[in-house]
N, C-alpha and C. Protein backbone atom coordinates (compact mmCIF):
# COMPACT_ATOMS: atom_id res chain seq x y z
N MET A 1 1.66 -1.48 0.37
CA MET A 1 -0.14 0.58 0.68
C MET A 1 1.01 1.13 -0.32
N PRO A 2 0.48 2.06 -0.98
CA PRO A 2 1.48 3.81 -1.09
C PRO A 2 1.24 4.49 0.29
N LYS A 3 2.78 4.81 0.29
CA LYS A 3 2.82 5.91 1.47
C LYS A 3 2.05 7.20 1.68
N LEU A 4 1.15 7.94 1.69
CA LEU A 4 0.58 9.09 2.36
C LEU A 4 1.44 9.89 1.93
N GLY A 5 1.10 10.64 1.12
CA GLY A 5 1.94 11.98 0.81
C GLY A 5 1.69 12.83 2.05
N ALA A 6 2.47 13.73 2.09
CA ALA A 6 1.95 15.58 2.73
C ALA A 6 3.21 16.40 2.43
N TYR A 7 2.45 18.02 3.05
CA TYR A 7 2.20 19.04 2.32
C TYR A 7 2.68 20.28 4.31
N ILE A 8 4.69 20.01 3.79
CA ILE A 8 5.20 20.74 5.09
C ILE A 8 6.40 22.03 4.28
N SER A 9 5.29 22.81 5.20
CA SER A 9 6.31 23.99 5.02
C SER A 9 7.21 24.88 6.44
N LEU A 10 8.28 25.58 6.11
CA LEU A 10 9.13 25.85 7.22
C LEU A 10 9.16 27.50 7.10
N GLU A 11 8.93 28.14 8.19
CA GLU A 11 8.24 29.18 7.93
C GLU A 11 9.37 30.07 8.94
N GLY A 12 9.34 31.42 8.76
CA GLY A 12 10.51 32.46 9.70
C GLY A 12 10.58 33.44 9.06
N ILE A 13 11.60 34.28 9.75
CA ILE A 13 11.55 35.68 9.18
C ILE A 13 12.73 35.53 8.46
N ASP A 14 13.31 36.50 7.48
CA ASP A 14 14.12 36.77 6.79
C ASP A 14 15.90 36.57 8.17
N GLY A 15 16.50 35.74 7.25
CA GLY A 15 17.62 35.01 8.23
C GLY A 15 17.73 34.14 8.84
N ALA A 16 16.52 33.43 9.39
CA ALA A 16 15.94 32.38 9.88
C ALA A 16 16.69 30.53 9.81
N ASP A 17 17.55 30.61 8.21
CA ASP A 17 18.26 29.95 6.84
C ASP A 17 17.03 29.38 6.70
N LEU A 18 16.24 28.99 6.45
CA LEU A 18 15.04 27.77 5.89
C LEU A 18 15.55 27.32 4.84
N ALA A 19 16.15 28.00 3.54
CA ALA A 19 16.61 27.18 2.49
C ALA A 19 17.26 25.98 3.32
N THR A 20 18.68 26.35 4.08
CA THR A 20 19.25 25.41 4.93
C THR A 20 18.28 24.07 5.71
N GLN A 21 17.37 24.64 6.26
CA GLN A 21 16.46 24.00 6.65
C GLN A 21 16.03 22.63 5.71
N THR A 22 15.41 23.07 4.60
CA THR A 22 14.50 23.24 3.65
C THR A 22 15.77 21.39 2.95
N GLU A 23 16.36 21.70 2.87
CA GLU A 23 17.83 20.76 2.21
C GLU A 23 17.91 19.42 3.11
N LEU A 24 18.01 20.39 4.55
CA LEU A 24 18.77 19.15 5.61
C LEU A 24 16.81 17.89 5.91
N LEU A 25 15.84 18.89 6.28
CA LEU A 25 14.68 17.63 5.96
C LEU A 25 14.29 17.39 5.14
N SER A 26 14.39 17.64 3.58
CA SER A 26 14.22 16.76 2.04
C SER A 26 15.55 15.45 2.57
N SER A 27 17.18 15.56 2.72
CA SER A 27 18.13 14.78 3.16
C SER A 27 17.49 13.92 3.56
N TRP A 28 16.73 14.29 4.94
CA TRP A 28 16.43 13.41 6.27
C TRP A 28 15.66 12.41 5.99
N LEU A 29 14.15 13.03 5.30
CA LEU A 29 13.26 12.84 4.85
C LEU A 29 14.05 11.39 3.26
N LYS A 30 14.37 11.64 2.63
CA LYS A 30 15.00 10.70 1.82
C LYS A 30 15.77 8.97 2.79
N LYS A 31 16.34 10.13 3.15
CA LYS A 31 17.13 8.42 4.05
C LYS A 31 15.83 7.62 4.10
N GLN A 32 14.68 7.66 4.88
CA GLN A 32 13.62 7.54 5.74
C GLN A 32 12.96 7.05 4.48
N GLY A 33 13.64 6.86 3.20
CA GLY A 33 12.61 6.58 1.98
C GLY A 33 11.59 6.71 1.53
N ARG A 34 11.29 8.23 1.05
CA ARG A 34 10.32 9.18 0.79
C ARG A 34 10.60 9.50 -0.45
N LYS A 35 9.48 9.89 -1.16
CA LYS A 35 9.79 10.69 -1.99
C LYS A 35 9.15 11.99 -2.01
N VAL A 36 10.50 13.18 -2.12
CA VAL A 36 10.22 14.31 -1.96
C VAL A 36 10.47 14.88 -2.95
N VAL A 37 9.39 15.92 -2.92
CA VAL A 37 9.57 17.40 -3.80
C VAL A 37 10.16 19.12 -3.23
N LEU A 38 10.62 19.20 -3.12
CA LEU A 38 11.89 20.42 -2.55
C LEU A 38 11.53 21.73 -2.87
N THR A 39 10.41 22.73 -3.13
CA THR A 39 9.95 24.08 -3.49
C THR A 39 9.47 25.12 -2.45
N LYS A 40 9.82 26.36 -3.29
CA LYS A 40 9.86 27.20 -1.93
C LYS A 40 8.90 28.29 -2.84
N GLU A 41 8.64 29.31 -2.22
CA GLU A 41 7.47 30.67 -2.46
C GLU A 41 8.53 31.89 -2.04
N PRO A 42 7.84 32.77 -2.95
CA PRO A 42 7.94 32.82 -4.57
C PRO A 42 8.48 31.66 -5.39
N THR A 43 7.63 31.15 -6.67
CA THR A 43 8.39 30.08 -6.79
C THR A 43 8.81 30.39 -8.08
N SER A 44 9.52 29.83 -9.29
CA SER A 44 10.39 29.79 -10.68
C SER A 44 9.83 30.61 -10.79
N SER A 45 8.50 30.96 -10.51
CA SER A 45 7.42 30.29 -12.05
C SER A 45 7.09 32.13 -12.43
N PRO A 46 6.72 32.41 -13.05
CA PRO A 46 6.96 33.98 -13.65
C PRO A 46 6.16 35.08 -12.85
N ILE A 47 4.76 34.65 -12.50
CA ILE A 47 4.47 35.12 -11.06
C ILE A 47 5.48 35.49 -10.79
N GLY A 48 6.23 33.77 -9.91
CA GLY A 48 7.25 34.29 -9.07
C GLY A 48 7.91 35.40 -8.90
N GLY A 49 8.92 35.07 -10.40
CA GLY A 49 10.00 36.17 -10.56
C GLY A 49 10.00 37.63 -11.09
N LEU A 50 7.60 37.74 -11.13
CA LEU A 50 7.55 38.93 -10.55
C LEU A 50 7.81 39.60 -9.49
N ILE A 51 7.10 38.89 -8.69
CA ILE A 51 7.32 39.05 -6.97
C ILE A 51 9.02 39.20 -6.41
N ARG A 52 9.91 38.38 -6.71
CA ARG A 52 11.43 39.04 -6.77
C ARG A 52 11.36 39.78 -7.21
N ALA A 53 11.33 39.68 -8.21
CA ALA A 53 12.05 41.40 -9.54
C ALA A 53 11.21 42.77 -8.02
N ALA A 54 9.58 42.41 -7.78
CA ALA A 54 9.25 44.00 -7.05
C ALA A 54 9.94 44.09 -5.94
N LEU A 55 9.89 42.70 -5.12
CA LEU A 55 11.27 43.06 -3.86
C LEU A 55 12.28 43.74 -3.24
N LYS A 56 12.85 43.21 -4.82
CA LYS A 56 14.21 43.68 -5.44
C LYS A 56 13.92 45.37 -5.85
N GLY A 57 13.31 45.86 -6.16
CA GLY A 57 12.43 46.99 -6.29
C GLY A 57 13.29 47.59 -7.82
N GLU A 58 13.31 46.44 -8.73
CA GLU A 58 13.29 46.30 -9.89
C GLU A 58 11.83 47.02 -10.69
N TRP A 59 11.29 46.83 -10.10
CA TRP A 59 9.76 47.23 -10.89
C TRP A 59 8.93 47.60 -9.06
N GLU A 60 7.77 49.21 -9.65
CA GLU A 60 7.38 49.49 -8.28
C GLU A 60 5.84 49.14 -8.59
N THR A 61 5.05 48.95 -7.58
CA THR A 61 3.78 48.27 -7.50
C THR A 61 3.49 48.36 -6.68
N ASP A 62 1.80 48.27 -5.95
CA ASP A 62 1.28 48.58 -4.66
C ASP A 62 1.26 47.41 -3.86
N LYS A 63 0.91 46.96 -1.88
CA LYS A 63 0.49 46.58 -1.32
C LYS A 63 -0.07 45.55 -2.06
N GLU A 64 -1.53 46.32 -2.02
CA GLU A 64 -2.42 45.60 -2.61
C GLU A 64 -2.49 44.30 -4.13
N THR A 65 -1.39 45.29 -5.00
CA THR A 65 -0.81 44.06 -6.45
C THR A 65 -0.15 43.05 -5.56
N LEU A 66 1.26 43.23 -5.12
CA LEU A 66 2.12 42.26 -4.62
C LEU A 66 1.33 41.11 -3.61
N ALA A 67 0.14 41.68 -2.79
CA ALA A 67 0.09 40.49 -2.39
C ALA A 67 -1.16 39.36 -2.90
N LEU A 68 -2.20 39.80 -4.26
CA LEU A 68 -2.13 39.76 -5.43
C LEU A 68 -1.53 38.85 -5.73
N LEU A 69 -0.20 38.74 -6.32
CA LEU A 69 0.18 38.33 -7.51
C LEU A 69 1.38 37.41 -6.51
N PHE A 70 1.35 37.25 -4.77
CA PHE A 70 1.75 36.47 -4.39
C PHE A 70 0.37 34.98 -4.07
N ALA A 71 -0.25 35.74 -3.79
CA ALA A 71 -1.68 33.95 -3.65
C ALA A 71 -1.98 34.07 -5.57
N ALA A 72 -1.22 34.86 -6.65
CA ALA A 72 -1.76 33.80 -7.23
C ALA A 72 -1.10 32.85 -7.79
N ASP A 73 0.37 33.59 -7.07
CA ASP A 73 1.92 32.36 -7.40
C ASP A 73 0.88 30.98 -6.06
N ARG A 74 1.23 31.69 -5.09
CA ARG A 74 0.52 30.23 -4.97
C ARG A 74 -0.69 29.28 -5.24
N ALA A 75 -1.06 29.94 -5.31
CA ALA A 75 -2.48 28.96 -6.20
C ALA A 75 -2.14 28.34 -7.54
N ASN A 76 -1.58 28.66 -8.17
CA ASN A 76 -0.45 27.68 -9.39
C ASN A 76 0.35 27.13 -8.86
N HIS A 77 1.38 27.44 -7.54
CA HIS A 77 1.89 25.93 -6.97
C HIS A 77 2.01 25.01 -6.75
N LEU A 78 0.46 25.28 -5.55
CA LEU A 78 -0.41 24.20 -4.89
C LEU A 78 -0.89 23.33 -6.65
N HIS A 79 -1.87 23.90 -7.22
CA HIS A 79 -2.98 23.06 -8.48
C HIS A 79 -1.17 22.76 -9.32
N ARG A 80 -0.25 23.11 -9.61
CA ARG A 80 0.96 22.11 -10.39
C ARG A 80 2.12 21.62 -9.32
N THR A 81 1.92 21.97 -8.52
CA THR A 81 3.22 21.31 -8.13
C THR A 81 2.32 20.44 -6.46
N VAL A 82 2.29 21.42 -6.02
CA VAL A 82 2.70 20.46 -4.32
C VAL A 82 0.98 19.53 -4.60
N LEU A 83 0.05 20.04 -4.76
CA LEU A 83 -1.00 18.90 -4.47
C LEU A 83 -1.39 17.50 -5.72
N PRO A 84 -0.76 18.27 -6.70
CA PRO A 84 -0.37 16.61 -7.73
C PRO A 84 1.25 15.28 -7.11
N ALA A 85 1.80 16.33 -6.34
CA ALA A 85 2.79 15.35 -4.86
C ALA A 85 2.48 14.95 -4.66
N VAL A 86 1.86 15.34 -3.78
CA VAL A 86 1.03 14.62 -1.93
C VAL A 86 -0.01 13.75 -2.76
N SER A 87 -0.54 13.89 -3.68
CA SER A 87 -1.74 12.85 -4.44
C SER A 87 -0.40 10.79 -4.39
N ASN A 88 0.55 12.21 -5.74
CA ASN A 88 1.23 11.10 -6.16
C ASN A 88 1.86 9.86 -5.15
N GLY A 89 1.62 10.93 -3.49
CA GLY A 89 2.64 9.77 -2.35
C GLY A 89 3.77 10.66 -2.19
N SER A 90 4.25 11.45 -3.19
CA SER A 90 5.10 12.79 -2.15
C SER A 90 5.26 13.71 -1.47
N VAL A 91 6.57 13.42 -0.47
CA VAL A 91 6.03 14.28 0.78
C VAL A 91 7.29 16.37 0.36
N VAL A 92 6.09 16.70 0.08
CA VAL A 92 6.43 18.18 0.03
C VAL A 92 7.07 19.10 1.15
N VAL A 93 8.20 19.21 0.86
CA VAL A 93 8.53 20.39 1.89
C VAL A 93 9.28 21.51 1.50
N ALA A 94 8.30 22.55 1.52
CA ALA A 94 7.63 24.26 1.16
C ALA A 94 8.90 25.31 2.20
N ASP A 95 9.59 26.08 1.35
CA ASP A 95 10.37 26.94 2.14
C ASP A 95 9.62 28.43 2.24
N ARG A 96 8.75 28.86 3.19
CA ARG A 96 7.60 28.90 2.67
C ARG A 96 6.26 28.81 2.27
N SER A 97 5.29 29.71 2.98
CA SER A 97 3.37 29.53 2.03
C SER A 97 2.86 30.44 2.86
N MET A 98 1.99 30.14 2.97
CA MET A 98 1.18 31.15 3.37
C MET A 98 1.15 32.13 4.91
N LEU A 99 1.80 31.37 5.42
CA LEU A 99 1.81 32.38 7.62
C LEU A 99 3.55 32.68 6.74
N SER A 100 3.72 32.77 5.92
CA SER A 100 4.35 34.36 5.32
C SER A 100 3.77 35.31 5.29
N GLN A 101 3.19 34.87 4.26
CA GLN A 101 2.02 36.23 2.98
C GLN A 101 1.73 36.91 4.44
N LEU A 102 1.14 35.84 5.61
CA LEU A 102 0.12 36.66 6.44
C LEU A 102 1.04 38.19 7.88
N ALA A 103 1.98 37.39 7.85
CA ALA A 103 2.78 37.21 9.33
C ALA A 103 3.62 39.22 8.39
N TYR A 104 4.20 39.06 6.94
CA TYR A 104 5.05 39.78 6.51
C TYR A 104 3.89 41.48 5.71
N GLU A 105 2.58 40.70 4.72
CA GLU A 105 2.29 40.93 4.73
C GLU A 105 0.99 42.47 5.33
N SER A 106 1.20 42.15 6.98
CA SER A 106 0.26 42.52 7.57
C SER A 106 0.18 44.00 8.45
N ASP A 107 1.34 43.98 8.04
CA ASP A 107 2.12 45.12 8.18
C ASP A 107 1.22 46.41 7.58
N GLU A 108 1.05 46.08 6.71
CA GLU A 108 0.46 47.78 5.80
C GLU A 108 -0.67 46.65 4.85
N LEU A 109 -1.39 45.98 5.32
CA LEU A 109 -3.04 45.56 4.77
C LEU A 109 -3.69 44.78 5.84
N ARG A 110 -4.56 45.01 5.29
CA ARG A 110 -6.13 44.90 7.17
C ARG A 110 -5.39 42.52 6.91
N LEU A 111 -5.11 42.23 7.91
CA LEU A 111 -5.20 40.70 7.99
C LEU A 111 -6.81 39.98 8.05
N THR A 112 -7.51 40.25 7.88
CA THR A 112 -9.11 40.04 6.91
C THR A 112 -8.88 40.12 6.15
N TRP A 113 -8.41 41.03 5.05
CA TRP A 113 -8.56 40.82 3.62
C TRP A 113 -7.64 39.73 3.15
N LEU A 114 -6.64 39.75 4.06
CA LEU A 114 -5.31 38.41 3.04
C LEU A 114 -5.98 37.79 4.37
N ARG A 115 -6.91 36.83 4.84
CA ARG A 115 -6.93 35.80 5.10
C ARG A 115 -8.53 35.40 4.55
N ALA A 116 -9.15 36.03 4.16
CA ALA A 116 -9.82 36.39 2.80
C ALA A 116 -9.44 35.85 1.52
N LEU A 117 -8.11 36.26 0.55
CA LEU A 117 -7.42 35.80 -0.24
C LEU A 117 -6.95 34.76 -0.29
N ASN A 118 -6.58 33.81 0.51
CA ASN A 118 -6.17 32.56 1.26
C ASN A 118 -7.25 31.54 1.49
N SER A 119 -8.07 32.22 1.45
CA SER A 119 -9.15 30.88 2.06
C SER A 119 -9.60 30.16 2.30
N GLU A 120 -9.30 30.43 0.76
CA GLU A 120 -9.83 28.58 -0.28
C GLU A 120 -8.61 27.34 -0.84
N PHE A 121 -6.98 28.21 -0.04
CA PHE A 121 -5.84 27.02 -0.40
C PHE A 121 -5.91 26.66 0.88
N PRO A 122 -5.50 24.82 0.58
CA PRO A 122 -5.88 24.10 1.57
C PRO A 122 -4.16 24.92 2.29
N LYS A 123 -4.36 24.12 3.90
CA LYS A 123 -2.88 24.72 4.65
C LYS A 123 -2.10 22.84 4.38
N PRO A 124 -0.90 23.54 4.67
CA PRO A 124 0.42 22.65 4.76
C PRO A 124 -0.04 21.61 5.91
N ASP A 125 -0.11 20.64 5.88
CA ASP A 125 -0.46 19.44 6.71
C ASP A 125 0.27 19.33 7.96
N VAL A 126 1.60 20.23 7.70
CA VAL A 126 2.25 20.61 9.37
C VAL A 126 3.46 22.35 9.22
N THR A 127 3.72 22.98 9.58
CA THR A 127 4.65 23.70 9.34
C THR A 127 4.58 23.93 10.96
N VAL A 128 6.01 23.90 10.73
CA VAL A 128 6.76 24.63 11.26
C VAL A 128 7.75 25.98 11.42
N ILE A 129 7.67 26.92 12.63
CA ILE A 129 8.54 27.73 11.98
C ILE A 129 9.64 28.00 12.83
N ILE A 130 10.80 28.14 12.50
CA ILE A 130 12.30 28.87 12.28
C ILE A 130 12.27 29.80 13.53
N ASP A 131 11.82 29.85 14.79
CA ASP A 131 12.50 30.88 15.37
C ASP A 131 13.38 31.21 15.69
N VAL A 132 13.73 32.76 14.59
CA VAL A 132 15.46 33.60 15.56
C VAL A 132 14.85 35.08 16.35
N PRO A 133 15.02 35.37 16.85
CA PRO A 133 15.46 36.49 17.60
C PRO A 133 15.77 37.71 15.83
N ALA A 134 15.40 39.01 16.06
CA ALA A 134 15.46 39.91 14.88
C ALA A 134 17.05 39.91 14.55
N ASP A 135 18.19 40.51 16.29
CA ASP A 135 19.01 40.84 16.02
C ASP A 135 19.75 39.88 15.61
N VAL A 136 19.92 38.57 15.65
CA VAL A 136 20.19 36.67 15.00
C VAL A 136 19.64 37.03 13.82
N ALA A 137 18.69 37.58 13.31
CA ALA A 137 18.60 36.95 11.97
C ALA A 137 19.35 37.98 10.68
N MET A 138 19.43 39.83 11.55
CA MET A 138 20.15 40.39 10.93
C MET A 138 21.62 40.87 10.54
N LYS A 139 22.31 39.61 12.26
CA LYS A 139 23.98 38.99 11.84
C LYS A 139 24.14 38.35 10.94
N ARG A 140 22.46 37.69 10.84
CA ARG A 140 23.08 36.40 8.90
C ARG A 140 22.52 36.85 7.72
N LEU A 141 21.80 38.79 7.93
CA LEU A 141 21.22 38.53 6.69
C LEU A 141 22.64 39.63 6.33
N ALA A 142 23.23 39.77 7.39
CA ALA A 142 24.55 41.12 6.76
C ALA A 142 25.78 40.40 6.67
N SER A 143 25.36 38.96 6.90
CA SER A 143 27.08 38.56 5.95
C SER A 143 26.91 37.94 4.38
N GLY A 144 26.20 39.15 3.86
CA GLY A 144 26.03 39.09 2.23
C GLY A 144 25.13 38.27 1.72
N ARG A 145 23.98 37.88 2.30
CA ARG A 145 22.64 37.48 1.77
C ARG A 145 21.56 38.62 2.09
N THR A 146 21.33 37.90 0.26
CA THR A 146 19.74 39.08 0.24
C THR A 146 19.08 39.10 1.24
N THR A 147 19.35 40.03 1.04
CA THR A 147 18.02 41.27 2.79
C THR A 147 16.48 41.39 1.97
N GLU A 148 16.71 41.76 0.57
CA GLU A 148 14.84 42.43 0.08
C GLU A 148 14.77 43.28 1.08
N GLN A 149 13.07 43.26 1.12
CA GLN A 149 12.86 44.91 1.35
C GLN A 149 12.56 44.81 2.97
N TYR A 150 12.69 43.71 3.86
CA TYR A 150 12.14 43.42 5.01
C TYR A 150 13.55 43.08 5.89
N ALA A 151 14.97 43.82 5.60
CA ALA A 151 16.27 43.44 5.91
C ALA A 151 15.98 44.60 7.36
N MET A 152 15.09 45.86 7.66
CA MET A 152 15.58 46.47 8.72
C MET A 152 14.69 45.45 10.12
N GLN A 153 15.47 45.67 11.66
CA GLN A 153 16.10 45.08 12.21
C GLN A 153 13.99 44.80 12.83
N SER A 154 13.86 46.27 12.59
CA SER A 154 12.41 46.85 14.08
C SER A 154 11.21 46.26 13.48
N GLN A 155 11.49 46.01 11.49
CA GLN A 155 10.01 45.54 10.93
C GLN A 155 11.13 43.57 11.34
N LEU A 156 12.09 43.47 11.17
CA LEU A 156 11.92 41.64 11.44
C LEU A 156 11.48 41.56 13.13
N HIS A 157 11.45 42.32 14.04
CA HIS A 157 11.25 41.88 14.92
C HIS A 157 9.38 41.87 15.77
N ALA A 158 8.80 43.28 14.33
CA ALA A 158 7.35 42.43 14.19
C ALA A 158 6.34 41.34 13.60
N VAL A 159 7.64 41.27 12.60
CA VAL A 159 7.32 40.54 11.81
C VAL A 159 7.55 38.97 12.63
N ARG A 160 8.72 38.95 13.52
CA ARG A 160 8.56 37.55 13.95
C ARG A 160 7.41 37.47 14.97
N ARG A 161 6.54 38.78 15.33
CA ARG A 161 5.64 38.49 16.77
C ARG A 161 4.66 38.18 16.04
N ARG A 162 4.17 38.33 14.58
CA ARG A 162 3.49 38.36 14.06
C ARG A 162 3.15 36.92 13.82
N PHE A 163 4.74 36.46 13.10
CA PHE A 163 4.08 34.56 13.03
C PHE A 163 4.64 33.70 14.67
N LEU A 164 4.46 34.20 15.58
CA LEU A 164 3.71 33.21 16.98
C LEU A 164 2.89 33.65 16.98
N LYS A 165 2.09 34.67 16.30
CA LYS A 165 1.15 35.38 16.84
C LYS A 165 -0.59 34.26 15.89
N LEU A 166 -0.49 34.09 15.02
CA LEU A 166 -0.83 33.86 13.77
C LEU A 166 -0.27 32.02 14.02
N GLN A 167 0.28 31.52 15.32
CA GLN A 167 0.32 30.74 14.60
C GLN A 167 -1.13 29.60 15.10
N LYS A 168 -1.49 29.83 15.83
CA LYS A 168 -3.08 29.29 16.51
C LYS A 168 -3.78 28.58 15.39
N GLU A 169 -3.58 29.47 13.97
CA GLU A 169 -4.30 30.16 13.37
C GLU A 169 -4.10 28.27 12.00
N PHE A 170 -3.18 27.86 12.51
CA PHE A 170 -2.81 26.85 11.58
C PHE A 170 -2.11 25.53 12.09
N PRO A 171 -2.94 24.38 11.38
CA PRO A 171 -3.03 22.44 12.11
C PRO A 171 -1.28 22.48 11.89
N ASN A 172 -1.28 21.68 13.90
CA ASN A 172 0.01 21.14 14.02
C ASN A 172 0.85 22.47 13.12
N CYS A 173 1.20 23.59 14.10
CA CYS A 173 2.66 24.31 13.35
C CYS A 173 2.74 24.31 14.91
N PHE A 174 4.26 24.17 14.88
CA PHE A 174 5.18 23.95 15.73
C PHE A 174 6.29 25.19 15.51
N VAL A 175 6.65 26.14 16.82
CA VAL A 175 7.35 26.26 17.11
C VAL A 175 9.12 25.63 17.58
N VAL A 176 10.69 26.24 16.08
CA VAL A 176 11.36 25.59 17.23
C VAL A 176 12.34 26.53 17.38
N ASP A 177 13.55 26.57 18.12
CA ASP A 177 14.12 27.57 18.19
C ASP A 177 15.43 27.35 16.75
N GLY A 178 15.49 28.92 16.72
CA GLY A 178 16.07 28.90 15.56
C GLY A 178 17.53 29.04 15.66
N ASN A 179 17.97 29.15 17.13
CA ASN A 179 19.30 29.99 17.27
C ASN A 179 19.81 28.77 17.84
N GLN A 180 20.11 27.45 17.59
CA GLN A 180 20.67 26.57 17.24
C GLN A 180 22.11 26.20 16.08
N THR A 181 22.26 25.45 16.21
CA THR A 181 23.37 24.68 14.76
C THR A 181 22.09 24.88 14.06
N PRO A 182 22.45 24.21 12.42
CA PRO A 182 22.05 23.77 11.92
C PRO A 182 21.42 21.78 11.81
N GLU A 183 22.03 21.32 12.80
CA GLU A 183 22.52 20.67 12.55
C GLU A 183 21.25 19.68 13.84
N LYS A 184 21.03 21.03 15.47
CA LYS A 184 20.18 20.79 15.75
C LYS A 184 18.48 21.12 15.60
N VAL A 185 18.77 21.91 14.73
CA VAL A 185 16.86 22.45 14.25
C VAL A 185 16.78 21.57 13.92
N ASN A 186 17.58 21.10 12.82
CA ASN A 186 17.34 19.84 11.63
C ASN A 186 16.40 18.33 12.66
N GLU A 187 17.59 18.61 13.46
CA GLU A 187 16.87 17.04 14.51
C GLU A 187 15.39 17.49 14.53
N GLU A 188 15.48 18.62 15.59
CA GLU A 188 13.68 19.31 16.47
C GLU A 188 12.98 18.97 14.81
N VAL A 189 13.07 18.81 13.75
CA VAL A 189 12.21 19.36 13.15
C VAL A 189 11.81 17.82 11.83
N ALA A 190 12.63 17.82 12.62
CA ALA A 190 12.58 15.58 11.52
C ALA A 190 12.31 15.26 12.70
N ARG A 191 12.07 14.91 14.29
CA ARG A 191 10.97 14.72 15.26
C ARG A 191 10.24 15.10 15.37
N ILE A 192 9.78 16.32 15.42
CA ILE A 192 8.40 16.77 14.57
C ILE A 192 7.88 16.33 13.73
N VAL A 193 8.10 16.61 12.43
CA VAL A 193 7.95 15.80 10.93
C VAL A 193 7.53 13.92 10.99
N LYS A 194 8.45 13.39 11.70
CA LYS A 194 7.80 12.06 11.97
C LYS A 194 6.58 12.01 12.23
N ARG A 195 5.95 12.50 13.38
CA ARG A 195 4.64 12.59 13.83
C ARG A 195 3.86 12.22 13.14
N PHE A 196 3.33 12.97 11.64
CA PHE A 196 2.75 13.23 10.75
C PHE A 196 2.81 12.26 9.14
N LEU A 197 4.03 11.60 10.02
CA LEU A 197 4.43 10.50 8.48
C LEU A 197 4.04 9.03 8.48
């Protein structure tokens, strides 16, 4: 009997090192004999490209349009990548999903509108917030990573608070201390994920 697939999202502020943790989780899952699809939002689709270009200041738009682009990218991502993979028995490991949109964009947009924009989308089966203080995130970002528009410490501190506040809105949503070695963080994430596979 084929194993059931699952949709897992890792979330957190810029500097939480989600790229490393999604890679480590994917490697761990493969060692468990699971088929894995590693993905991220914004995606590599043309819509995702528009989003990344806007975040880098390569073209200008308003907050509402950017939020709609994120939702359109998510819809395309879910229907073309995530849901088919899960139905095929794969574990989808996503670097961000709708929780990031709610946490980041509700600084200037109404949370009720953002929730409505995402209301028809399936939420991940498991969400793990990699939690790091804003000052730690800023030190990591200063080491040469792309900061895009959210790099100011005060903004990251506010976004971190919103991530933790929104946790209860997502099923099977857990917080892991990201201020540890990558290996230790991965151990905790894998221990959580294992319970749902």
